[in-house]
Amino acid sequence: MPPRALPVTADKEPFDIDEAFRRLRQAVADLPKAAMFALRDRGYDSPFEQLVGSLISARTRDETTVAVCERLFAVARTPADMAALPEAELIRLLNGATFPEPKARDILALSHRIVAEHGGAVPDTLEELMAFHGVGPKIAALTMAVGFGMPAVAVDVHVHRITNRWGFVAAPTPERTMVALMATLPRHYWVEINERLVPFGKWICTGERPRCSTCLMLSMCRQVGVTTHR
């Protein structure tokens, strides 16, 4: 389905999604990458590493996620190796991430299930991935997108906030935003949207007082809900 046409206002250009991604790439070129894409570029790009890394990244800063994952993957990079770790050792390796104890339990549980129920191979559907405790739509979509290279829209707070702020979608929750983007966003941008909008949202289109005055997207962005900005 082609992107829906946004209304043209007196001070805004028509919203062109291809031009939007061209500007996004320019805007974030020198910014730190989102954690899962940074790990991908460092060679931690298997479905299992992306699944575990995405779970670790929940409510954890990107730079901390990368450091914790590199420490963990130096010890265990496969479901079998991860399942063999004592829980106390895994908790130690997760030190620095938020909620290391429940995350350790979830990682051990999914590692055991992948070995026992899937022959050691990470399942490649959203439904099967979300059957693992602790794995929600965003984690499953990141695993599909980055680990398997399959079209999937991973919506976090940044993707949700920015695409609604643009006026490209109008959805009340990240889950509804994911559905809306799957209906309107060209499939060749499904993976890239998270890669670009996470750093864009952290450093430019922030939750409070976004940097609108210097933003490359300003001429197209409808600034929905923006009351104060820099």
C-alpha atoms as a PDB file:
ATOM      1  CA  MET A   1       0.000   0.000   0.000  1.00  0.00           C
ATOM      2  CA  PRO A   2       1.489   3.425  -0.888  1.00  0.00           C
ATOM      3  CA  PRO A   3       2.048   5.989   1.893  1.00  0.00           C
ATOM      4  CA  ARG A   4      -0.996   8.121   2.546  1.00  0.00           C
ATOM      5  CA  ALA A   5      -0.815  11.712   1.366  1.00  0.00           C
ATOM      6  CA  LEU A   6      -0.563  14.216   4.202  1.00  0.00           C
ATOM      7  CA  PRO A   7      -2.432  17.502   3.878  1.00  0.00           C
ATOM      8  CA  VAL A   8      -0.358  20.380   2.613  1.00  0.00           C
ATOM      9  CA  THR A   9      -0.377  23.399   4.898  1.00  0.00           C
ATOM     10  CA  ALA A  10       0.749  26.905   4.113  1.00  0.00           C
ATOM     11  CA  ASP A  11       4.176  26.476   5.693  1.00  0.00           C
ATOM     12  CA  LYS A  12       4.848  22.776   5.000  1.00  0.00           C
ATOM     13  CA  GLU A  13       5.978  20.773   1.988  1.00  0.00           C
ATOM     14  CA  PRO A  14       4.196  17.578   0.986  1.00  0.00           C
ATOM     15  CA  PHE A  15       5.584  14.693   3.049  1.00  0.00           C
ATOM     16  CA  ASP A  16       7.776  12.560   0.792  1.00  0.00           C
ATOM     17  CA  ILE A  17       8.940   9.381   2.550  1.00  0.00           C
ATOM     18  CA  ASP A  18      11.875   8.841   0.166  1.00  0.00           C
ATOM     19  CA  GLU A  19      13.086  12.378   0.775  1.00  0.00           C
ATOM     20  CA  ALA A  20      12.503  11.880   4.506  1.00  0.00           C
ATOM     21  CA  PHE A  21      14.877   8.913   4.611  1.00  0.00           C
ATOM     22  CA  ARG A  22      17.461  10.779   2.535  1.00  0.00           C
ATOM     23  CA  ARG A  23      17.399  13.578   5.117  1.00  0.00           C
ATOM     24  CA  LEU A  24      17.400  11.133   8.037  1.00  0.00           C
ATOM     25  CA  ARG A  25      20.528   9.402   6.782  1.00  0.00           C
ATOM     26  CA  GLN A  26      22.248  12.769   6.555  1.00  0.00           C
ATOM     27  CA  ALA A  27      21.012  13.866   9.984  1.00  0.00           C
ATOM     28  CA  VAL A  28      22.256  10.788  11.864  1.00  0.00           C
ATOM     29  CA  ALA A  29      25.413  10.061   9.862  1.00  0.00           C
ATOM     30  CA  ASP A  30      27.715  11.190  12.670  1.00  0.00           C
ATOM     31  CA  LEU A  31      25.563  10.084  15.625  1.00  0.00           C
ATOM     32  CA  PRO A  32      26.060   6.899  17.692  1.00  0.00           C
ATOM     33  CA  LYS A  33      24.118   3.988  16.227  1.00  0.00           C
ATOM     34  CA  ALA A  34      21.227   2.209  17.904  1.00  0.00           C
ATOM     35  CA  ALA A  35      22.534  -0.692  19.970  1.00  0.00           C
ATOM     36  CA  MET A  36      21.390  -3.615  17.833  1.00  0.00           C
ATOM     37  CA  PHE A  37      22.740  -2.044  14.652  1.00  0.00           C
ATOM     38  CA  ALA A  38      26.025  -1.216  16.395  1.00  0.00           C
ATOM     39  CA  LEU A  39      26.279  -4.869  17.477  1.00  0.00           C
ATOM     40  CA  ARG A  40      25.433  -5.995  13.935  1.00  0.00           C
ATOM     41  CA  ASP A  41      28.273  -3.904  12.555  1.00  0.00           C
ATOM     42  CA  ARG A  42      30.661  -5.462  15.112  1.00  0.00           C
ATOM     43  CA  GLY A  43      29.816  -8.967  13.907  1.00  0.00           C
ATOM     44  CA  TYR A  44      27.119  -9.888  16.435  1.00  0.00           C
ATOM     45  CA  ASP A  45      24.461 -10.307  13.800  1.00  0.00           C
ATOM     46  CA  SER A  46      23.136 -13.840  14.269  1.00  0.00           C
ATOM     47  CA  PRO A  47      19.440 -14.247  15.115  1.00  0.00           C
ATOM     48  CA  PHE A  48      20.337 -15.551  18.571  1.00  0.00           C
ATOM     49  CA  GLU A  49      22.710 -12.670  19.353  1.00  0.00           C
ATOM     50  CA  GLN A  50      20.151 -10.170  18.133  1.00  0.00           C
ATOM     51  CA  LEU A  51      17.391 -11.810  20.185  1.00  0.00           C
ATOM     52  CA  VAL A  52      19.455 -11.837  23.367  1.00  0.00           C
ATOM     53  CA  GLY A  53      20.855  -8.363  22.718  1.00  0.00           C
ATOM     54  CA  SER A  54      17.405  -6.920  22.101  1.00  0.00           C
ATOM     55  CA  LEU A  55      16.156  -8.415  25.347  1.00  0.00           C
ATOM     56  CA  ILE A  56      19.133  -6.962  27.220  1.00  0.00           C
ATOM     57  CA  SER A  57      18.552  -3.558  25.596  1.00  0.00           C
ATOM     58  CA  ALA A  58      15.087  -3.109  27.109  1.00  0.00           C
ATOM     59  CA  ARG A  59      15.243   0.024  29.303  1.00  0.00           C
ATOM     60  CA  THR A  60      19.044  -0.004  29.061  1.00  0.00           C
ATOM     61  CA  ARG A  61      21.138   2.716  27.436  1.00  0.00           C
ATOM     62  CA  ASP A  62      22.551   1.795  24.044  1.00  0.00           C
ATOM     63  CA  GLU A  63      26.184   2.208  25.065  1.00  0.00           C
ATOM     64  CA  THR A  64      25.620  -0.002  28.110  1.00  0.00           C
ATOM     65  CA  THR A  65      23.812  -2.610  26.011  1.00  0.00           C
ATOM     66  CA  VAL A  66      26.727  -2.847  23.579  1.00  0.00           C
ATOM     67  CA  ALA A  67      29.291  -3.212  26.372  1.00  0.00           C
ATOM     68  CA  VAL A  68      27.247  -5.837  28.240  1.00  0.00           C
ATOM     69  CA  CYS A  69      26.577  -7.832  25.067  1.00  0.00           C
ATOM     70  CA  GLU A  70      30.220  -7.830  24.043  1.00  0.00           C
ATOM     71  CA  ARG A  71      31.149  -9.149  27.496  1.00  0.00           C
ATOM     72  CA  LEU A  72      28.428 -11.794  27.370  1.00  0.00           C
ATOM     73  CA  PHE A  73      29.101 -12.933  23.809  1.00  0.00           C
ATOM     74  CA  ALA A  74      32.778 -13.367  24.602  1.00  0.00           C
ATOM     75  CA  VAL A  75      31.565 -16.248  26.802  1.00  0.00           C
ATOM     76  CA  ALA A  76      28.471 -17.568  24.998  1.00  0.00           C
ATOM     77  CA  ARG A  77      27.206 -16.870  21.473  1.00  0.00           C
ATOM     78  CA  THR A  78      24.916 -19.852  20.826  1.00  0.00           C
ATOM     79  CA  PRO A  79      21.771 -21.165  22.529  1.00  0.00           C
ATOM     80  CA  ALA A  80      23.607 -24.273  23.731  1.00  0.00           C
ATOM     81  CA  ASP A  81      26.494 -22.301  25.230  1.00  0.00           C
ATOM     82  CA  MET A  82      24.103 -19.830  26.843  1.00  0.00           C
ATOM     83  CA  ALA A  83      21.922 -22.603  28.294  1.00  0.00           C
ATOM     84  CA  ALA A  84      25.014 -24.143  29.895  1.00  0.00           C
ATOM     85  CA  LEU A  85      25.802 -21.016  31.934  1.00  0.00           C
ATOM     86  CA  PRO A  86      24.933 -21.065  35.639  1.00  0.00           C
ATOM     87  CA  GLU A  87      22.302 -18.430  36.409  1.00  0.00           C
ATOM     88  CA  ALA A  88      24.604 -16.640  38.864  1.00  0.00           C
ATOM     89  CA  GLU A  89      27.301 -16.365  36.188  1.00  0.00           C
ATOM     90  CA  LEU A  90      24.846 -14.981  33.656  1.00  0.00           C
ATOM     91  CA  ILE A  91      23.607 -12.401  36.150  1.00  0.00           C
ATOM     92  CA  ARG A  92      27.222 -11.347  36.708  1.00  0.00           C
ATOM     93  CA  LEU A  93      27.796 -11.005  32.968  1.00  0.00           C
ATOM     94  CA  LEU A  94      24.662  -8.850  32.678  1.00  0.00           C
ATOM     95  CA  ASN A  95      25.878  -6.431  35.337  1.00  0.00           C
ATOM     96  CA  GLY A  96      25.170  -2.876  34.206  1.00  0.00           C
ATOM     97  CA  ALA A  97      22.009  -3.714  32.298  1.00  0.00           C
ATOM     98  CA  THR A  98      18.672  -2.977  33.931  1.00  0.00           C
ATOM     99  CA  PHE A  99      16.943  -5.876  35.709  1.00  0.00           C
ATOM    100  CA  PRO A 100      19.803  -8.397  35.298  1.00  0.00           C
ATOM    101  CA  GLU A 101      18.130 -11.110  37.379  1.00  0.00           C
ATOM    102  CA  PRO A 102      14.840 -11.423  35.443  1.00  0.00           C
ATOM    103  CA  LYS A 103      16.675 -10.926  32.150  1.00  0.00           C
ATOM    104  CA  ALA A 104      19.058 -13.757  33.058  1.00  0.00           C
ATOM    105  CA  ARG A 105      16.114 -16.037  33.795  1.00  0.00           C
ATOM    106  CA  ASP A 106      14.430 -15.129  30.502  1.00  0.00           C
ATOM    107  CA  ILE A 107      17.630 -15.622  28.485  1.00  0.00           C
ATOM    108  CA  LEU A 108      18.278 -19.013  30.087  1.00  0.00           C
ATOM    109  CA  ALA A 109      14.685 -20.100  29.552  1.00  0.00           C
ATOM    110  CA  LEU A 110      14.573 -19.134  25.877  1.00  0.00           C
ATOM    111  CA  SER A 111      18.021 -20.671  25.290  1.00  0.00           C
ATOM    112  CA  HIS A 112      16.853 -23.992  26.735  1.00  0.00           C
ATOM    113  CA  ARG A 113      13.654 -23.859  24.664  1.00  0.00           C
ATOM    114  CA  ILE A 114      15.505 -23.051  21.448  1.00  0.00           C
ATOM    115  CA  VAL A 115      17.734 -26.069  22.014  1.00  0.00           C
ATOM    116  CA  ALA A 116      14.973 -28.435  23.123  1.00  0.00           C
ATOM    117  CA  GLU A 117      12.073 -27.326  20.919  1.00  0.00           C
ATOM    118  CA  HIS A 118      13.713 -25.778  17.849  1.00  0.00           C
ATOM    119  CA  GLY A 119      16.833 -27.858  17.347  1.00  0.00           C
ATOM    120  CA  GLY A 120      19.092 -24.995  18.366  1.00  0.00           C
ATOM    121  CA  ALA A 121      17.776 -22.628  15.675  1.00  0.00           C
ATOM    122  CA  VAL A 122      15.984 -19.402  16.581  1.00  0.00           C
ATOM    123  CA  PRO A 123      12.432 -19.456  15.153  1.00  0.00           C
ATOM    124  CA  ASP A 124      11.836 -16.944  12.398  1.00  0.00           C
ATOM    125  CA  THR A 125       8.275 -15.770  12.957  1.00  0.00           C
ATOM    126  CA  LEU A 126       7.001 -12.988  15.191  1.00  0.00           C
ATOM    127  CA  GLU A 127       4.493 -15.326  16.797  1.00  0.00           C
ATOM    128  CA  GLU A 128       7.084 -17.944  17.756  1.00  0.00           C
ATOM    129  CA  LEU A 129       9.517 -15.332  19.039  1.00  0.00           C
ATOM    130  CA  MET A 130       6.870 -13.662  21.183  1.00  0.00           C
ATOM    131  CA  ALA A 131       6.070 -17.039  22.724  1.00  0.00           C
ATOM    132  CA  PHE A 132       9.324 -16.667  24.696  1.00  0.00           C
ATOM    133  CA  HIS A 133       8.851 -14.955  28.062  1.00  0.00           C
ATOM    134  CA  GLY A 134      10.164 -11.406  28.003  1.00  0.00           C
ATOM    135  CA  VAL A 135       9.991 -11.073  24.213  1.00  0.00           C
ATOM    136  CA  GLY A 136       7.470  -8.482  23.038  1.00  0.00           C
ATOM    137  CA  PRO A 137       6.714  -7.048  19.596  1.00  0.00           C
ATOM    138  CA  LYS A 138       9.740  -4.726  19.476  1.00  0.00           C
ATOM    139  CA  ILE A 139      12.264  -7.400  20.483  1.00  0.00           C
ATOM    140  CA  ALA A 140      10.729  -9.907  18.081  1.00  0.00           C
ATOM    141  CA  ALA A 141      10.732  -7.393  15.229  1.00  0.00           C
ATOM    142  CA  LEU A 142      14.365  -6.409  15.847  1.00  0.00           C
ATOM    143  CA  THR A 143      15.352 -10.077  15.799  1.00  0.00           C
ATOM    144  CA  MET A 144      13.505 -10.582  12.534  1.00  0.00           C
ATOM    145  CA  ALA A 145      14.828  -7.377  10.968  1.00  0.00           C
ATOM    146  CA  VAL A 146      18.464  -7.359  12.052  1.00  0.00           C
ATOM    147  CA  GLY A 147      19.089 -11.036  12.839  1.00  0.00           C
ATOM    148  CA  PHE A 148      17.240 -12.594   9.917  1.00  0.00           C
ATOM    149  CA  GLY A 149      17.272  -9.653   7.511  1.00  0.00           C
ATOM    150  CA  MET A 150      13.529 -10.017   7.039  1.00  0.00           C
ATOM    151  CA  PRO A 151      11.115  -7.073   6.672  1.00  0.00           C
ATOM    152  CA  ALA A 152       9.831  -6.182  10.151  1.00  0.00           C
ATOM    153  CA  VAL A 153       8.987  -2.851  11.778  1.00  0.00           C
ATOM    154  CA  ALA A 154      10.525  -2.487  15.248  1.00  0.00           C
ATOM    155  CA  VAL A 155       8.719   0.314  17.059  1.00  0.00           C
ATOM    156  CA  ASP A 156      10.230   1.755  20.222  1.00  0.00           C
ATOM    157  CA  VAL A 157       9.467   5.065  21.932  1.00  0.00           C
ATOM    158  CA  HIS A 158      11.433   7.015  19.320  1.00  0.00           C
ATOM    159  CA  VAL A 159       9.799   5.453  16.265  1.00  0.00           C
ATOM    160  CA  HIS A 160       6.381   5.834  17.891  1.00  0.00           C
ATOM    161  CA  ARG A 161       6.896   9.471  18.882  1.00  0.00           C
ATOM    162  CA  ILE A 162       8.533  10.675  15.677  1.00  0.00           C
ATOM    163  CA  THR A 163       6.277   9.062  13.084  1.00  0.00           C
ATOM    164  CA  ASN A 164       3.243  10.416  14.935  1.00  0.00           C
ATOM    165  CA  ARG A 165       4.913  13.822  15.308  1.00  0.00           C
ATOM    166  CA  TRP A 166       5.525  13.889  11.570  1.00  0.00           C
ATOM    167  CA  GLY A 167       1.845  13.176  11.019  1.00  0.00           C
ATOM    168  CA  PHE A 168       2.804  10.121   8.944  1.00  0.00           C
ATOM    169  CA  VAL A 169       0.688   7.927  11.240  1.00  0.00           C
ATOM    170  CA  ALA A 170      -1.792   8.692  14.011  1.00  0.00           C
ATOM    171  CA  ALA A 171      -1.716   5.941  16.618  1.00  0.00           C
ATOM    172  CA  PRO A 172      -1.993   6.018  20.428  1.00  0.00           C
ATOM    173  CA  THR A 173       0.482   3.229  21.304  1.00  0.00           C
ATOM    174  CA  PRO A 174       3.703   1.736  19.900  1.00  0.00           C
ATOM    175  CA  GLU A 175       1.807  -1.445  19.060  1.00  0.00           C
ATOM    176  CA  ARG A 176      -0.784   0.486  17.041  1.00  0.00           C
ATOM    177  CA  THR A 177       1.997   2.520  15.424  1.00  0.00           C
ATOM    178  CA  MET A 178       3.628  -0.729  14.281  1.00  0.00           C
ATOM    179  CA  VAL A 179       0.394  -1.821  12.632  1.00  0.00           C
ATOM    180  CA  ALA A 180      -0.065   1.600  11.015  1.00  0.00           C
ATOM    181  CA  LEU A 181       3.489   1.673   9.686  1.00  0.00           C
ATOM    182  CA  MET A 182       3.136  -1.818   8.238  1.00  0.00           C
ATOM    183  CA  ALA A 183       0.150  -0.501   6.298  1.00  0.00           C
ATOM    184  CA  THR A 184       1.737   2.755   5.079  1.00  0.00           C
ATOM    185  CA  LEU A 185       5.537   2.485   5.080  1.00  0.00           C
ATOM    186  CA  PRO A 186       7.176   0.968   1.973  1.00  0.00           C
ATOM    187  CA  ARG A 187       8.624  -2.434   2.908  1.00  0.00           C
ATOM    188  CA  HIS A 188      12.159  -1.496   1.911  1.00  0.00           C
ATOM    189  CA  TYR A 189      12.185   0.969   4.830  1.00  0.00           C
ATOM    190  CA  TRP A 190      10.817  -1.432   7.465  1.00  0.00           C
ATOM    191  CA  VAL A 191      14.236  -2.360   8.868  1.00  0.00           C
ATOM    192  CA  GLU A 192      15.865   1.004   8.348  1.00  0.00           C
ATOM    193  CA  ILE A 193      13.245   3.061  10.165  1.00  0.00           C
ATOM    194  CA  ASN A 194      14.417   1.858  13.580  1.00  0.00           C
ATOM    195  CA  GLU A 195      18.076   2.241  12.631  1.00  0.00           C
ATOM    196  CA  ARG A 196      17.564   5.904  11.702  1.00  0.00           C
ATOM    197  CA  LEU A 197      14.911   7.063  14.166  1.00  0.00           C
ATOM    198  CA  VAL A 198      16.555   5.810  17.365  1.00  0.00           C
ATOM    199  CA  PRO A 199      19.578   8.140  17.103  1.00  0.00           C
ATOM    200  CA  PHE A 200      17.402  10.821  15.501  1.00  0.00           C
ATOM    201  CA  GLY A 201      15.030  10.645  18.466  1.00  0.00           C
ATOM    202  CA  LYS A 202      17.787  10.584  21.079  1.00  0.00           C
ATOM    203  CA  TRP A 203      19.697  13.574  19.778  1.00  0.00           C
ATOM    204  CA  ILE A 204      17.444  15.681  17.533  1.00  0.00           C
ATOM    205  CA  CYS A 205      13.710  14.909  17.685  1.00  0.00           C
ATOM    206  CA  THR A 206      13.753  14.486  21.465  1.00  0.00           C
ATOM    207  CA  GLY A 207      10.716  13.879  23.638  1.00  0.00           C
ATOM    208  CA  GLU A 208      10.880  17.324  25.230  1.00  0.00           C
ATOM    209  CA  ARG A 209      11.989  20.484  23.434  1.00  0.00           C
ATOM    210  CA  PRO A 210      13.027  18.873  20.133  1.00  0.00           C
ATOM    211  CA  ARG A 211      15.632  20.678  18.055  1.00  0.00           C
ATOM    212  CA  CYS A 212      13.131  21.804  15.420  1.00  0.00           C
ATOM    213  CA  SER A 213      14.938  24.992  14.396  1.00  0.00           C
ATOM    214  CA  THR A 214      17.912  23.078  12.966  1.00  0.00           C
ATOM    215  CA  CYS A 215      16.132  19.856  11.968  1.00  0.00           C
ATOM    216  CA  LEU A 216      16.402  18.734   8.351  1.00  0.00           C
ATOM    217  CA  MET A 217      12.857  17.389   8.580  1.00  0.00           C
ATOM    218  CA  LEU A 218      11.230  20.658   9.643  1.00  0.00           C
ATOM    219  CA  SER A 219       9.867  21.683   6.242  1.00  0.00           C
ATOM    220  CA  MET A 220       7.886  18.418   5.993  1.00  0.00           C
ATOM    221  CA  CYS A 221       7.160  17.591   9.660  1.00  0.00           C
ATOM    222  CA  ARG A 222       3.672  18.539  10.882  1.00  0.00           C
ATOM    223  CA  GLN A 223       5.063  18.885  14.455  1.00  0.00           C
ATOM    224  CA  VAL A 224       2.001  17.165  15.902  1.00  0.00           C
ATOM    225  CA  GLY A 225       1.879  17.712  19.656  1.00  0.00           C
ATOM    226  CA  VAL A 226       4.970  19.943  19.752  1.00  0.00           C
ATOM    227  CA  THR A 227       4.372  22.885  22.061  1.00  0.00           C
ATOM    228  CA  THR A 228       7.943  23.996  22.828  1.00  0.00           C
ATOM    229  CA  HIS A 229      11.124  23.383  20.904  1.00  0.00           C
ATOM    230  CA  ARG A 230      14.650  24.608  20.347  1.00  0.00           C
END
